[in-house]
Amino acid sequence: MMVRRLDPGCFIRPASETGGRQPRVEPVLAYLVRHDHGLILFDTGIGNADPETEAHYRPRRHSLRGALSAAGVALDDISLVANCHLHFDHCGGNPSSVASPSWSRTSSWPPPARAATPSMS
């Protein structure tokens, strides 16, 4: 098995979210895993976000295709896409990888019963 880190970009976390006085550059990482069962892409980086998110985080994107190409891999070579969770900086590139089956943690979504029932507290 081989694991290679990819660099799909970064975003600027505002000072209001860092616990400090300064904003912080947050790297966005993805990983290419070469496994006996094929190539797994773990996270896909930043995709297109709504204007509010764009203004808030000021993302700097690097091409997912370019990062894969630098690793000697084409998007069509990917067997599976897995996301650790569904934040914009982890699954934003999923639409560009629709040819591959995708998997994400179901705990990222609230259970339907809780999502449909308002809180009584």
PDB file of N, CA and C in Angstrom:
ATOM      1  N   MET A   1       0.846  -1.169   0.000  1.00  0.00           N
ATOM      2  CA  MET A   1       0.000   0.000   0.000  1.00  0.00           C
ATOM      3  C   MET A   1       0.896   1.238   0.000  1.00  0.00           C
ATOM      4  N   MET A   2       0.456   2.270  -0.702  1.00  0.00           N
ATOM      5  CA  MET A   2       1.175   3.533  -0.791  1.00  0.00           C
ATOM      6  C   MET A   2       0.186   4.652  -0.486  1.00  0.00           C
ATOM      7  N   VAL A   3       0.608   5.654   0.280  1.00  0.00           N
ATOM      8  CA  VAL A   3      -0.218   6.824   0.571  1.00  0.00           C
ATOM      9  C   VAL A   3       0.553   8.061   0.143  1.00  0.00           C
ATOM     10  N   ARG A   4      -0.118   8.927  -0.617  1.00  0.00           N
ATOM     11  CA  ARG A   4       0.522  10.165  -1.059  1.00  0.00           C
ATOM     12  C   ARG A   4      -0.381  11.340  -0.711  1.00  0.00           C
ATOM     13  N   ARG A   5       0.191  12.346  -0.103  1.00  0.00           N
ATOM     14  CA  ARG A   5      -0.571  13.547   0.234  1.00  0.00           C
ATOM     15  C   ARG A   5      -0.694  14.435  -0.998  1.00  0.00           C
ATOM     16  N   LEU A   6      -1.888  14.960  -1.214  1.00  0.00           N
ATOM     17  CA  LEU A   6      -2.152  15.884  -2.308  1.00  0.00           C
ATOM     18  C   LEU A   6      -2.465  17.259  -1.721  1.00  0.00           C
ATOM     19  N   ASP A   7      -2.244  18.298  -2.500  1.00  0.00           N
ATOM     20  CA  ASP A   7      -2.474  19.669  -2.046  1.00  0.00           C
ATOM     21  C   ASP A   7      -3.549  20.330  -2.899  1.00  0.00           C
ATOM     22  N   PRO A   8      -4.832  20.216  -2.488  1.00  0.00           N
ATOM     23  CA  PRO A   8      -5.883  20.866  -3.273  1.00  0.00           C
ATOM     24  C   PRO A   8      -6.151  22.323  -2.891  1.00  0.00           C
ATOM     25  N   GLY A   9      -5.331  22.921  -2.027  1.00  0.00           N
ATOM     26  CA  GLY A   9      -5.492  24.343  -1.741  1.00  0.00           C
ATOM     27  C   GLY A   9      -5.449  24.687  -0.269  1.00  0.00           C
ATOM     28  N   CYS A  10      -6.035  25.840   0.051  1.00  0.00           N
ATOM     29  CA  CYS A  10      -6.090  26.303   1.437  1.00  0.00           C
ATOM     30  C   CYS A  10      -7.240  27.296   1.559  1.00  0.00           C
ATOM     31  N   PHE A  11      -7.544  27.681   2.776  1.00  0.00           N
ATOM     32  CA  PHE A  11      -8.508  28.753   3.008  1.00  0.00           C
ATOM     33  C   PHE A  11      -8.040  29.563   4.213  1.00  0.00           C
ATOM     34  N   ILE A  12      -8.618  30.736   4.374  1.00  0.00           N
ATOM     35  CA  ILE A  12      -8.243  31.628   5.464  1.00  0.00           C
ATOM     36  C   ILE A  12      -9.311  31.527   6.555  1.00  0.00           C
ATOM     37  N   ARG A  13      -8.929  30.991   7.702  1.00  0.00           N
ATOM     38  CA  ARG A  13      -9.870  30.919   8.831  1.00  0.00           C
ATOM     39  C   ARG A  13      -9.850  32.282   9.522  1.00  0.00           C
ATOM     40  N   PRO A  14     -11.013  32.948   9.621  1.00  0.00           N
ATOM     41  CA  PRO A  14     -11.062  34.272  10.243  1.00  0.00           C
ATOM     42  C   PRO A  14     -10.623  34.225  11.710  1.00  0.00           C
ATOM     43  N   ALA A  15     -10.103  35.341  12.198  1.00  0.00           N
ATOM     44  CA  ALA A  15      -9.651  35.424  13.587  1.00  0.00           C
ATOM     45  C   ALA A  15     -10.768  35.050  14.556  1.00  0.00           C
ATOM     46  N   SER A  16     -12.012  35.341  14.200  1.00  0.00           N
ATOM     47  CA  SER A  16     -13.141  35.011  15.079  1.00  0.00           C
ATOM     48  C   SER A  16     -13.278  33.510  15.306  1.00  0.00           C
ATOM     49  N   GLU A  17     -12.636  32.699  14.472  1.00  0.00           N
ATOM     50  CA  GLU A  17     -12.711  31.240  14.599  1.00  0.00           C
ATOM     51  C   GLU A  17     -11.401  30.615  15.083  1.00  0.00           C
ATOM     52  N   THR A  18     -10.359  31.410  15.232  1.00  0.00           N
ATOM     53  CA  THR A  18      -9.060  30.826  15.592  1.00  0.00           C
ATOM     54  C   THR A  18      -8.770  30.856  17.087  1.00  0.00           C
ATOM     55  N   GLY A  19      -9.539  31.631  17.826  1.00  0.00           N
ATOM     56  CA  GLY A  19      -9.259  31.778  19.248  1.00  0.00           C
ATOM     57  C   GLY A  19      -8.132  32.760  19.508  1.00  0.00           C
ATOM     58  N   GLY A  20      -7.703  33.433  18.470  1.00  0.00           N
ATOM     59  CA  GLY A  20      -6.624  34.412  18.594  1.00  0.00           C
ATOM     60  C   GLY A  20      -7.025  35.722  17.951  1.00  0.00           C
ATOM     61  N   ARG A  21      -6.033  36.553  17.712  1.00  0.00           N
ATOM     62  CA  ARG A  21      -6.293  37.866  17.108  1.00  0.00           C
ATOM     63  C   ARG A  21      -6.086  37.883  15.605  1.00  0.00           C
ATOM     64  N   GLN A  22      -5.457  36.855  15.088  1.00  0.00           N
ATOM     65  CA  GLN A  22      -5.094  36.839  13.675  1.00  0.00           C
ATOM     66  C   GLN A  22      -5.833  35.733  12.924  1.00  0.00           C
ATOM     67  N   PRO A  23      -6.158  35.979  11.660  1.00  0.00           N
ATOM     68  CA  PRO A  23      -6.671  34.880  10.838  1.00  0.00           C
ATOM     69  C   PRO A  23      -5.557  33.858  10.628  1.00  0.00           C
ATOM     70  N   ARG A  24      -5.923  32.678  10.188  1.00  0.00           N
ATOM     71  CA  ARG A  24      -4.930  31.607  10.020  1.00  0.00           C
ATOM     72  C   ARG A  24      -5.165  30.904   8.685  1.00  0.00           C
ATOM     73  N   VAL A  25      -4.094  30.655   7.970  1.00  0.00           N
ATOM     74  CA  VAL A  25      -4.174  29.876   6.734  1.00  0.00           C
ATOM     75  C   VAL A  25      -4.322  28.408   7.117  1.00  0.00           C
ATOM     76  N   GLU A  26      -5.367  27.772   6.598  1.00  0.00           N
ATOM     77  CA  GLU A  26      -5.631  26.353   6.869  1.00  0.00           C
ATOM     78  C   GLU A  26      -5.368  25.554   5.595  1.00  0.00           C
ATOM     79  N   PRO A  27      -4.408  24.656   5.617  1.00  0.00           N
ATOM     80  CA  PRO A  27      -4.190  23.823   4.428  1.00  0.00           C
ATOM     81  C   PRO A  27      -5.362  22.870   4.233  1.00  0.00           C
ATOM     82  N   VAL A  28      -5.651  22.607   2.997  1.00  0.00           N
ATOM     83  CA  VAL A  28      -6.653  21.599   2.646  1.00  0.00           C
ATOM     84  C   VAL A  28      -5.872  20.428   2.066  1.00  0.00           C
ATOM     85  N   LEU A  29      -6.070  19.264   2.637  1.00  0.00           N
ATOM     86  CA  LEU A  29      -5.299  18.102   2.203  1.00  0.00           C
ATOM     87  C   LEU A  29      -6.217  17.008   1.683  1.00  0.00           C
ATOM     88  N   ALA A  30      -5.703  16.246   0.779  1.00  0.00           N
ATOM     89  CA  ALA A  30      -6.368  15.040   0.280  1.00  0.00           C
ATOM     90  C   ALA A  30      -5.282  13.970   0.219  1.00  0.00           C
ATOM     91  N   TYR A  31      -5.703  12.743   0.168  1.00  0.00           N
ATOM     92  CA  TYR A  31      -4.734  11.644   0.148  1.00  0.00           C
ATOM     93  C   TYR A  31      -5.102  10.647  -0.932  1.00  0.00           C
ATOM     94  N   LEU A  32      -4.109  10.212  -1.648  1.00  0.00           N
ATOM     95  CA  LEU A  32      -4.255   9.170  -2.650  1.00  0.00           C
ATOM     96  C   LEU A  32      -3.688   7.892  -2.051  1.00  0.00           C
ATOM     97  N   VAL A  33      -4.513   6.866  -1.995  1.00  0.00           N
ATOM     98  CA  VAL A  33      -4.099   5.590  -1.407  1.00  0.00           C
ATOM     99  C   VAL A  33      -4.083   4.543  -2.511  1.00  0.00           C
ATOM    100  N   ARG A  34      -2.918   3.993  -2.767  1.00  0.00           N
ATOM    101  CA  ARG A  34      -2.797   2.903  -3.740  1.00  0.00           C
ATOM    102  C   ARG A  34      -2.903   1.611  -2.944  1.00  0.00           C
ATOM    103  N   HIS A  35      -3.987   0.888  -3.181  1.00  0.00           N
ATOM    104  CA  HIS A  35      -4.328  -0.311  -2.409  1.00  0.00           C
ATOM    105  C   HIS A  35      -4.438  -1.483  -3.373  1.00  0.00           C
ATOM    106  N   ASP A  36      -4.372  -2.690  -2.855  1.00  0.00           N
ATOM    107  CA  ASP A  36      -4.514  -3.881  -3.704  1.00  0.00           C
ATOM    108  C   ASP A  36      -5.818  -3.871  -4.493  1.00  0.00           C
ATOM    109  N   HIS A  37      -6.839  -3.203  -3.961  1.00  0.00           N
ATOM    110  CA  HIS A  37      -8.149  -3.172  -4.612  1.00  0.00           C
ATOM    111  C   HIS A  37      -8.344  -1.943  -5.492  1.00  0.00           C
ATOM    112  N   GLY A  38      -7.319  -1.137  -5.671  1.00  0.00           N
ATOM    113  CA  GLY A  38      -7.416   0.021  -6.546  1.00  0.00           C
ATOM    114  C   GLY A  38      -6.952   1.299  -5.875  1.00  0.00           C
ATOM    115  N   LEU A  39      -7.201   2.417  -6.553  1.00  0.00           N
ATOM    116  CA  LEU A  39      -6.804   3.730  -6.044  1.00  0.00           C
ATOM    117  C   LEU A  39      -7.971   4.362  -5.291  1.00  0.00           C
ATOM    118  N   ILE A  40      -7.707   4.792  -4.077  1.00  0.00           N
ATOM    119  CA  ILE A  40      -8.719   5.439  -3.251  1.00  0.00           C
ATOM    120  C   ILE A  40      -8.300   6.894  -3.070  1.00  0.00           C
ATOM    121  N   LEU A  41      -9.218   7.798  -3.332  1.00  0.00           N
ATOM    122  CA  LEU A  41      -8.989   9.215  -3.092  1.00  0.00           C
ATOM    123  C   LEU A  41      -9.724   9.573  -1.809  1.00  0.00           C
ATOM    124  N   PHE A  42      -8.967   9.961  -0.790  1.00  0.00           N
ATOM    125  CA  PHE A  42      -9.539  10.296   0.509  1.00  0.00           C
ATOM    126  C   PHE A  42      -9.620  11.814   0.603  1.00  0.00           C
ATOM    127  N   ASP A  43     -10.825  12.336   0.467  1.00  0.00           N
ATOM    128  CA  ASP A  43     -11.161  13.754   0.411  1.00  0.00           C
ATOM    129  C   ASP A  43     -10.801  14.320  -0.960  1.00  0.00           C
ATOM    130  N   THR A  44     -11.559  15.344  -1.361  1.00  0.00           N
ATOM    131  CA  THR A  44     -11.401  15.888  -2.707  1.00  0.00           C
ATOM    132  C   THR A  44     -11.131  17.386  -2.722  1.00  0.00           C
ATOM    133  N   GLY A  45     -10.998  17.989  -1.555  1.00  0.00           N
ATOM    134  CA  GLY A  45     -10.643  19.402  -1.501  1.00  0.00           C
ATOM    135  C   GLY A  45     -11.816  20.342  -1.662  1.00  0.00           C
ATOM    136  N   ILE A  46     -11.496  21.575  -2.016  1.00  0.00           N
ATOM    137  CA  ILE A  46     -12.466  22.665  -2.069  1.00  0.00           C
ATOM    138  C   ILE A  46     -13.139  22.692  -3.433  1.00  0.00           C
ATOM    139  N   GLY A  47     -14.439  22.711  -3.423  1.00  0.00           N
ATOM    140  CA  GLY A  47     -15.197  22.874  -4.658  1.00  0.00           C
ATOM    141  C   GLY A  47     -15.757  24.283  -4.720  1.00  0.00           C
ATOM    142  N   ASN A  48     -16.796  24.460  -5.503  1.00  0.00           N
ATOM    143  CA  ASN A  48     -17.459  25.754  -5.582  1.00  0.00           C
ATOM    144  C   ASN A  48     -18.372  25.910  -4.379  1.00  0.00           C
ATOM    145  N   ALA A  49     -18.237  27.012  -3.687  1.00  0.00           N
ATOM    146  CA  ALA A  49     -19.055  27.280  -2.508  1.00  0.00           C
ATOM    147  C   ALA A  49     -20.007  28.434  -2.808  1.00  0.00           C
ATOM    148  N   ASP A  50     -20.972  28.627  -1.927  1.00  0.00           N
ATOM    149  CA  ASP A  50     -21.891  29.749  -2.088  1.00  0.00           C
ATOM    150  C   ASP A  50     -21.120  31.053  -1.835  1.00  0.00           C
ATOM    151  N   PRO A  51     -21.629  32.180  -2.328  1.00  0.00           N
ATOM    152  CA  PRO A  51     -20.896  33.444  -2.200  1.00  0.00           C
ATOM    153  C   PRO A  51     -20.552  33.815  -0.752  1.00  0.00           C
ATOM    154  N   GLU A  52     -21.427  33.502   0.195  1.00  0.00           N
ATOM    155  CA  GLU A  52     -21.163  33.822   1.600  1.00  0.00           C
ATOM    156  C   GLU A  52     -19.947  33.046   2.124  1.00  0.00           C
ATOM    157  N   THR A  53     -19.882  31.757   1.798  1.00  0.00           N
ATOM    158  CA  THR A  53     -18.744  30.933   2.222  1.00  0.00           C
ATOM    159  C   THR A  53     -17.462  31.402   1.541  1.00  0.00           C
ATOM    160  N   GLU A  54     -17.555  31.739   0.263  1.00  0.00           N
ATOM    161  CA  GLU A  54     -16.387  32.245  -0.474  1.00  0.00           C
ATOM    162  C   GLU A  54     -15.832  33.499   0.197  1.00  0.00           C
ATOM    163  N   ALA A  55     -16.716  34.433   0.552  1.00  0.00           N
ATOM    164  CA  ALA A  55     -16.277  35.683   1.169  1.00  0.00           C
ATOM    165  C   ALA A  55     -15.722  35.449   2.575  1.00  0.00           C
ATOM    166  N   HIS A  56     -16.316  34.521   3.297  1.00  0.00           N
ATOM    167  CA  HIS A  56     -15.919  34.265   4.681  1.00  0.00           C
ATOM    168  C   HIS A  56     -14.553  33.578   4.772  1.00  0.00           C
ATOM    169  N   TYR A  57     -14.311  32.581   3.904  1.00  0.00           N
ATOM    170  CA  TYR A  57     -13.088  31.773   4.001  1.00  0.00           C
ATOM    171  C   TYR A  57     -12.036  32.069   2.936  1.00  0.00           C
ATOM    172  N   ARG A  58     -12.382  32.810   1.897  1.00  0.00           N
ATOM    173  CA  ARG A  58     -11.442  33.183   0.832  1.00  0.00           C
ATOM    174  C   ARG A  58     -10.573  32.009   0.373  1.00  0.00           C
ATOM    175  N   PRO A  59     -11.194  30.939  -0.089  1.00  0.00           N
ATOM    176  CA  PRO A  59     -10.411  29.755  -0.471  1.00  0.00           C
ATOM    177  C   PRO A  59      -9.476  30.013  -1.648  1.00  0.00           C
ATOM    178  N   ARG A  60      -8.369  29.312  -1.626  1.00  0.00           N
ATOM    179  CA  ARG A  60      -7.396  29.298  -2.727  1.00  0.00           C
ATOM    180  C   ARG A  60      -7.337  27.856  -3.206  1.00  0.00           C
ATOM    181  N   ARG A  61      -7.813  27.629  -4.415  1.00  0.00           N
ATOM    182  CA  ARG A  61      -7.925  26.268  -4.923  1.00  0.00           C
ATOM    183  C   ARG A  61      -6.742  25.893  -5.806  1.00  0.00           C
ATOM    184  N   HIS A  62      -6.347  24.640  -5.689  1.00  0.00           N
ATOM    185  CA  HIS A  62      -5.418  24.039  -6.640  1.00  0.00           C
ATOM    186  C   HIS A  62      -6.206  22.929  -7.321  1.00  0.00           C
ATOM    187  N   SER A  63      -5.988  22.733  -8.565  1.00  0.00           N
ATOM    188  CA  SER A  63      -6.740  21.756  -9.351  1.00  0.00           C
ATOM    189  C   SER A  63      -6.560  20.333  -8.817  1.00  0.00           C
ATOM    190  N   LEU A  64      -7.685  19.660  -8.560  1.00  0.00           N
ATOM    191  CA  LEU A  64      -7.632  18.258  -8.150  1.00  0.00           C
ATOM    192  C   LEU A  64      -7.016  17.416  -9.262  1.00  0.00           C
ATOM    193  N   ARG A  65      -7.418  17.688 -10.495  1.00  0.00           N
ATOM    194  CA  ARG A  65      -6.840  16.951 -11.631  1.00  0.00           C
ATOM    195  C   ARG A  65      -5.329  17.167 -11.710  1.00  0.00           C
ATOM    196  N   GLY A  66      -4.898  18.401 -11.454  1.00  0.00           N
ATOM    197  CA  GLY A  66      -3.470  18.703 -11.483  1.00  0.00           C
ATOM    198  C   GLY A  66      -2.704  17.983 -10.381  1.00  0.00           C
ATOM    199  N   ALA A  67      -3.301  17.951  -9.182  1.00  0.00           N
ATOM    200  CA  ALA A  67      -2.649  17.253  -8.062  1.00  0.00           C
ATOM    201  C   ALA A  67      -2.538  15.761  -8.350  1.00  0.00           C
ATOM    202  N   LEU A  68      -3.589  15.198  -8.930  1.00  0.00           N
ATOM    203  CA  LEU A  68      -3.553  13.776  -9.290  1.00  0.00           C
ATOM    204  C   LEU A  68      -2.533  13.531 -10.397  1.00  0.00           C
ATOM    205  N   SER A  69      -2.513  14.422 -11.379  1.00  0.00           N
ATOM    206  CA  SER A  69      -1.572  14.280 -12.491  1.00  0.00           C
ATOM    207  C   SER A  69      -0.123  14.316 -11.991  1.00  0.00           C
ATOM    208  N   ALA A  70       0.154  15.192 -11.022  1.00  0.00           N
ATOM    209  CA  ALA A  70       1.503  15.255 -10.448  1.00  0.00           C
ATOM    210  C   ALA A  70       1.874  13.951  -9.755  1.00  0.00           C
ATOM    211  N   ALA A  71       0.852  13.197  -9.330  1.00  0.00           N
ATOM    212  CA  ALA A  71       1.086  11.888  -8.697  1.00  0.00           C
ATOM    213  C   ALA A  71       1.078  10.766  -9.731  1.00  0.00           C
ATOM    214  N   GLY A  72       0.946  11.133 -11.020  1.00  0.00           N
ATOM    215  CA  GLY A  72       0.946  10.130 -12.081  1.00  0.00           C
ATOM    216  C   GLY A  72      -0.369   9.395 -12.233  1.00  0.00           C
ATOM    217  N   VAL A  73      -1.461  10.044 -11.817  1.00  0.00           N
ATOM    218  CA  VAL A  73      -2.777   9.402 -11.814  1.00  0.00           C
ATOM    219  C   VAL A  73      -3.782  10.311 -12.517  1.00  0.00           C
ATOM    220  N   ALA A  74      -4.694   9.730 -13.262  1.00  0.00           N
ATOM    221  CA  ALA A  74      -5.801  10.467 -13.866  1.00  0.00           C
ATOM    222  C   ALA A  74      -7.053  10.256 -13.020  1.00  0.00           C
ATOM    223  N   LEU A  75      -7.976  11.195 -13.093  1.00  0.00           N
ATOM    224  CA  LEU A  75      -9.219  11.086 -12.332  1.00  0.00           C
ATOM    225  C   LEU A  75      -9.945   9.776 -12.636  1.00  0.00           C
ATOM    226  N   ASP A  76      -9.885   9.332 -13.876  1.00  0.00           N
ATOM    227  CA  ASP A  76     -10.553   8.081 -14.265  1.00  0.00           C
ATOM    228  C   ASP A  76      -9.909   6.846 -13.640  1.00  0.00           C
ATOM    229  N   ASP A  77      -8.700   6.978 -13.105  1.00  0.00           N
ATOM    230  CA  ASP A  77      -8.022   5.843 -12.467  1.00  0.00           C
ATOM    231  C   ASP A  77      -8.524   5.572 -11.051  1.00  0.00           C
ATOM    232  N   ILE A  78      -9.254   6.530 -10.468  1.00  0.00           N
ATOM    233  CA  ILE A  78      -9.717   6.411  -9.081  1.00  0.00           C
ATOM    234  C   ILE A  78     -10.833   5.374  -8.997  1.00  0.00           C
ATOM    235  N   SER A  79     -10.686   4.430  -8.063  1.00  0.00           N
ATOM    236  CA  SER A  79     -11.690   3.379  -7.861  1.00  0.00           C
ATOM    237  C   SER A  79     -12.767   3.789  -6.872  1.00  0.00           C
ATOM    238  N   LEU A  80     -12.405   4.607  -5.892  1.00  0.00           N
ATOM    239  CA  LEU A  80     -13.334   4.980  -4.827  1.00  0.00           C
ATOM    240  C   LEU A  80     -12.925   6.327  -4.259  1.00  0.00           C
ATOM    241  N   VAL A  81     -13.925   7.147  -3.955  1.00  0.00           N
ATOM    242  CA  VAL A  81     -13.697   8.405  -3.256  1.00  0.00           C
ATOM    243  C   VAL A  81     -14.304   8.272  -1.869  1.00  0.00           C
ATOM    244  N   ALA A  82     -13.522   8.589  -0.830  1.00  0.00           N
ATOM    245  CA  ALA A  82     -14.018   8.545   0.554  1.00  0.00           C
ATOM    246  C   ALA A  82     -13.812   9.919   1.179  1.00  0.00           C
ATOM    247  N   ASN A  83     -14.813  10.389   1.901  1.00  0.00           N
ATOM    248  CA  ASN A  83     -14.714  11.666   2.600  1.00  0.00           C
ATOM    249  C   ASN A  83     -14.762  11.442   4.100  1.00  0.00           C
ATOM    250  N   CYS A  84     -13.841  12.081   4.823  1.00  0.00           N
ATOM    251  CA  CYS A  84     -13.847  11.916   6.283  1.00  0.00           C
ATOM    252  C   CYS A  84     -15.071  12.592   6.879  1.00  0.00           C
ATOM    253  N   HIS A  85     -15.511  13.702   6.298  1.00  0.00           N
ATOM    254  CA  HIS A  85     -16.771  14.336   6.660  1.00  0.00           C
ATOM    255  C   HIS A  85     -17.136  15.303   5.540  1.00  0.00           C
ATOM    256  N   LEU A  86     -18.297  15.921   5.648  1.00  0.00           N
ATOM    257  CA  LEU A  86     -18.838  16.649   4.509  1.00  0.00           C
ATOM    258  C   LEU A  86     -18.723  18.167   4.623  1.00  0.00           C
ATOM    259  N   HIS A  87     -17.599  18.666   5.097  1.00  0.00           N
ATOM    260  CA  HIS A  87     -17.344  20.096   5.056  1.00  0.00           C
ATOM    261  C   HIS A  87     -16.820  20.451   3.669  1.00  0.00           C
ATOM    262  N   PHE A  88     -17.011  21.730   3.287  1.00  0.00           N
ATOM    263  CA  PHE A  88     -16.662  22.160   1.932  1.00  0.00           C
ATOM    264  C   PHE A  88     -15.205  21.903   1.574  1.00  0.00           C
ATOM    265  N   ASP A  89     -14.321  21.877   2.559  1.00  0.00           N
ATOM    266  CA  ASP A  89     -12.900  21.686   2.269  1.00  0.00           C
ATOM    267  C   ASP A  89     -12.497  20.216   2.193  1.00  0.00           C
ATOM    268  N   HIS A  90     -13.434  19.316   2.407  1.00  0.00           N
ATOM    269  CA  HIS A  90     -13.159  17.877   2.317  1.00  0.00           C
ATOM    270  C   HIS A  90     -13.888  17.219   1.147  1.00  0.00           C
ATOM    271  N   CYS A  91     -15.082  17.717   0.809  1.00  0.00           N
ATOM    272  CA  CYS A  91     -15.875  17.048  -0.235  1.00  0.00           C
ATOM    273  C   CYS A  91     -16.212  17.964  -1.403  1.00  0.00           C
ATOM    274  N   GLY A  92     -15.665  19.172  -1.412  1.00  0.00           N
ATOM    275  CA  GLY A  92     -16.012  20.123  -2.461  1.00  0.00           C
ATOM    276  C   GLY A  92     -15.654  19.679  -3.862  1.00  0.00           C
ATOM    277  N   GLY A  93     -14.649  18.844  -3.997  1.00  0.00           N
ATOM    278  CA  GLY A  93     -14.256  18.352  -5.317  1.00  0.00           C
ATOM    279  C   GLY A  93     -15.009  17.106  -5.752  1.00  0.00           C
ATOM    280  N   ASN A  94     -15.945  16.623  -4.935  1.00  0.00           N
ATOM    281  CA  ASN A  94     -16.682  15.407  -5.302  1.00  0.00           C
ATOM    282  C   ASN A  94     -17.384  15.500  -6.656  1.00  0.00           C
ATOM    283  N   PRO A  95     -18.019  16.633  -6.991  1.00  0.00           N
ATOM    284  CA  PRO A  95     -18.688  16.676  -8.302  1.00  0.00           C
ATOM    285  C   PRO A  95     -17.759  16.408  -9.479  1.00  0.00           C
ATOM    286  N   SER A  96     -16.474  16.723  -9.342  1.00  0.00           N
ATOM    287  CA  SER A  96     -15.545  16.459 -10.447  1.00  0.00           C
ATOM    288  C   SER A  96     -15.112  15.002 -10.483  1.00  0.00           C
ATOM    289  N   SER A  97     -15.521  14.219  -9.480  1.00  0.00           N
ATOM    290  CA  SER A  97     -15.122  12.808  -9.433  1.00  0.00           C
ATOM    291  C   SER A  97     -16.336  11.887  -9.447  1.00  0.00           C
ATOM    292  N   VAL A  98     -17.420  12.322 -10.105  1.00  0.00           N
ATOM    293  CA  VAL A  98     -18.665  11.553 -10.066  1.00  0.00           C
ATOM    294  C   VAL A  98     -18.552  10.179 -10.709  1.00  0.00           C
ATOM    295  N   ALA A  99     -17.543   9.953 -11.519  1.00  0.00           N
ATOM    296  CA  ALA A  99     -17.403   8.635 -12.146  1.00  0.00           C
ATOM    297  C   ALA A  99     -17.025   7.571 -11.127  1.00  0.00           C
ATOM    298  N   SER A 100     -16.501   7.993  -9.983  1.00  0.00           N
ATOM    299  CA  SER A 100     -16.082   7.043  -8.953  1.00  0.00           C
ATOM    300  C   SER A 100     -17.161   6.907  -7.892  1.00  0.00           C
ATOM    301  N   PRO A 101     -17.352   5.711  -7.359  1.00  0.00           N
ATOM    302  CA  PRO A 101     -18.270   5.582  -6.226  1.00  0.00           C
ATOM    303  C   PRO A 101     -17.725   6.383  -5.054  1.00  0.00           C
ATOM    304  N   SER A 102     -18.623   6.972  -4.271  1.00  0.00           N
ATOM    305  CA  SER A 102     -18.213   7.777  -3.124  1.00  0.00           C
ATOM    306  C   SER A 102     -18.747   7.190  -1.840  1.00  0.00           C
ATOM    307  N   TRP A 103     -18.005   7.397  -0.767  1.00  0.00           N
ATOM    308  CA  TRP A 103     -18.413   6.941   0.553  1.00  0.00           C
ATOM    309  C   TRP A 103     -18.095   8.046   1.534  1.00  0.00           C
ATOM    310  N   SER A 104     -19.013   8.302   2.448  1.00  0.00           N
ATOM    311  CA  SER A 104     -18.742   9.258   3.522  1.00  0.00           C
ATOM    312  C   SER A 104     -19.339   8.730   4.805  1.00  0.00           C
ATOM    313  N   ARG A 105     -18.856   9.245   5.913  1.00  0.00           N
ATOM    314  CA  ARG A 105     -19.371   8.826   7.212  1.00  0.00           C
ATOM    315  C   ARG A 105     -20.817   9.264   7.336  1.00  0.00           C
ATOM    316  N   THR A 106     -21.703   8.347   7.624  1.00  0.00           N
ATOM    317  CA  THR A 106     -23.106   8.725   7.781  1.00  0.00           C
ATOM    318  C   THR A 106     -23.317   9.560   9.029  1.00  0.00           C
ATOM    319  N   SER A 107     -22.391   9.515   9.973  1.00  0.00           N
ATOM    320  CA  SER A 107     -22.553  10.334  11.173  1.00  0.00           C
ATOM    321  C   SER A 107     -22.382  11.821  10.872  1.00  0.00           C
ATOM    322  N   SER A 108     -21.979  12.173   9.647  1.00  0.00           N
ATOM    323  CA  SER A 108     -21.903  13.578   9.271  1.00  0.00           C
ATOM    324  C   SER A 108     -23.292  14.181   9.124  1.00  0.00           C
ATOM    325  N   TRP A 109     -24.270  13.348   8.853  1.00  0.00           N
ATOM    326  CA  TRP A 109     -25.646  13.816   8.700  1.00  0.00           C
ATOM    327  C   TRP A 109     -26.409  13.542   9.977  1.00  0.00           C
ATOM    328  N   PRO A 110     -27.301  14.457  10.399  1.00  0.00           N
ATOM    329  CA  PRO A 110     -28.110  14.145  11.575  1.00  0.00           C
ATOM    330  C   PRO A 110     -29.085  13.025  11.238  1.00  0.00           C
ATOM    331  N   PRO A 111     -29.387  12.166  12.201  1.00  0.00           N
ATOM    332  CA  PRO A 111     -30.372  11.118  11.938  1.00  0.00           C
ATOM    333  C   PRO A 111     -31.696  11.757  11.523  1.00  0.00           C
ATOM    334  N   PRO A 112     -32.425  11.172  10.581  1.00  0.00           N
ATOM    335  CA  PRO A 112     -33.668  11.770  10.096  1.00  0.00           C
ATOM    336  C   PRO A 112     -34.648  12.114  11.211  1.00  0.00           C
ATOM    337  N   ALA A 113     -34.759  11.283  12.244  1.00  0.00           N
ATOM    338  CA  ALA A 113     -35.713  11.555  13.317  1.00  0.00           C
ATOM    339  C   ALA A 113     -35.362  12.861  14.029  1.00  0.00           C
ATOM    340  N   ARG A 114     -34.090  13.099  14.273  1.00  0.00           N
ATOM    341  CA  ARG A 114     -33.693  14.346  14.939  1.00  0.00           C
ATOM    342  C   ARG A 114     -33.811  15.530  13.997  1.00  0.00           C
ATOM    343  N   ALA A 115     -33.509  15.332  12.739  1.00  0.00           N
ATOM    344  CA  ALA A 115     -33.571  16.433  11.789  1.00  0.00           C
ATOM    345  C   ALA A 115     -35.007  16.885  11.567  1.00  0.00           C
ATOM    346  N   ALA A 116     -35.960  15.963  11.674  1.00  0.00           N
ATOM    347  CA  ALA A 116     -37.354  16.285  11.399  1.00  0.00           C
ATOM    348  C   ALA A 116     -38.105  16.763  12.638  1.00  0.00           C
ATOM    349  N   THR A 117     -37.553  16.563  13.820  1.00  0.00           N
ATOM    350  CA  THR A 117     -38.243  16.897  15.061  1.00  0.00           C
ATOM    351  C   THR A 117     -37.599  18.119  15.698  1.00  0.00           C
ATOM    352  N   PRO A 118     -38.378  19.198  15.905  1.00  0.00           N
ATOM    353  CA  PRO A 118     -37.779  20.373  16.541  1.00  0.00           C
ATOM    354  C   PRO A 118     -37.418  20.092  17.990  1.00  0.00           C
ATOM    355  N   SER A 119     -36.428  20.795  18.471  1.00  0.00           N
ATOM    356  CA  SER A 119     -36.008  20.641  19.861  1.00  0.00           C
ATOM    357  C   SER A 119     -37.066  21.219  20.787  1.00  0.00           C
ATOM    358  N   MET A 120     -37.369  20.514  21.867  1.00  0.00           N
ATOM    359  CA  MET A 120     -38.360  20.985  22.824  1.00  0.00           C
ATOM    360  C   MET A 120     -37.701  21.595  24.056  1.00  0.00           C
ATOM    361  N   SER A 121     -36.385  21.702  24.047  1.00  0.00           N
ATOM    362  CA  SER A 121     -35.716  22.244  25.238  1.00  0.00           C
ATOM    363  C   SER A 121     -35.527  23.737  25.140  1.00  0.00           C
TER     364      SER A 121
END
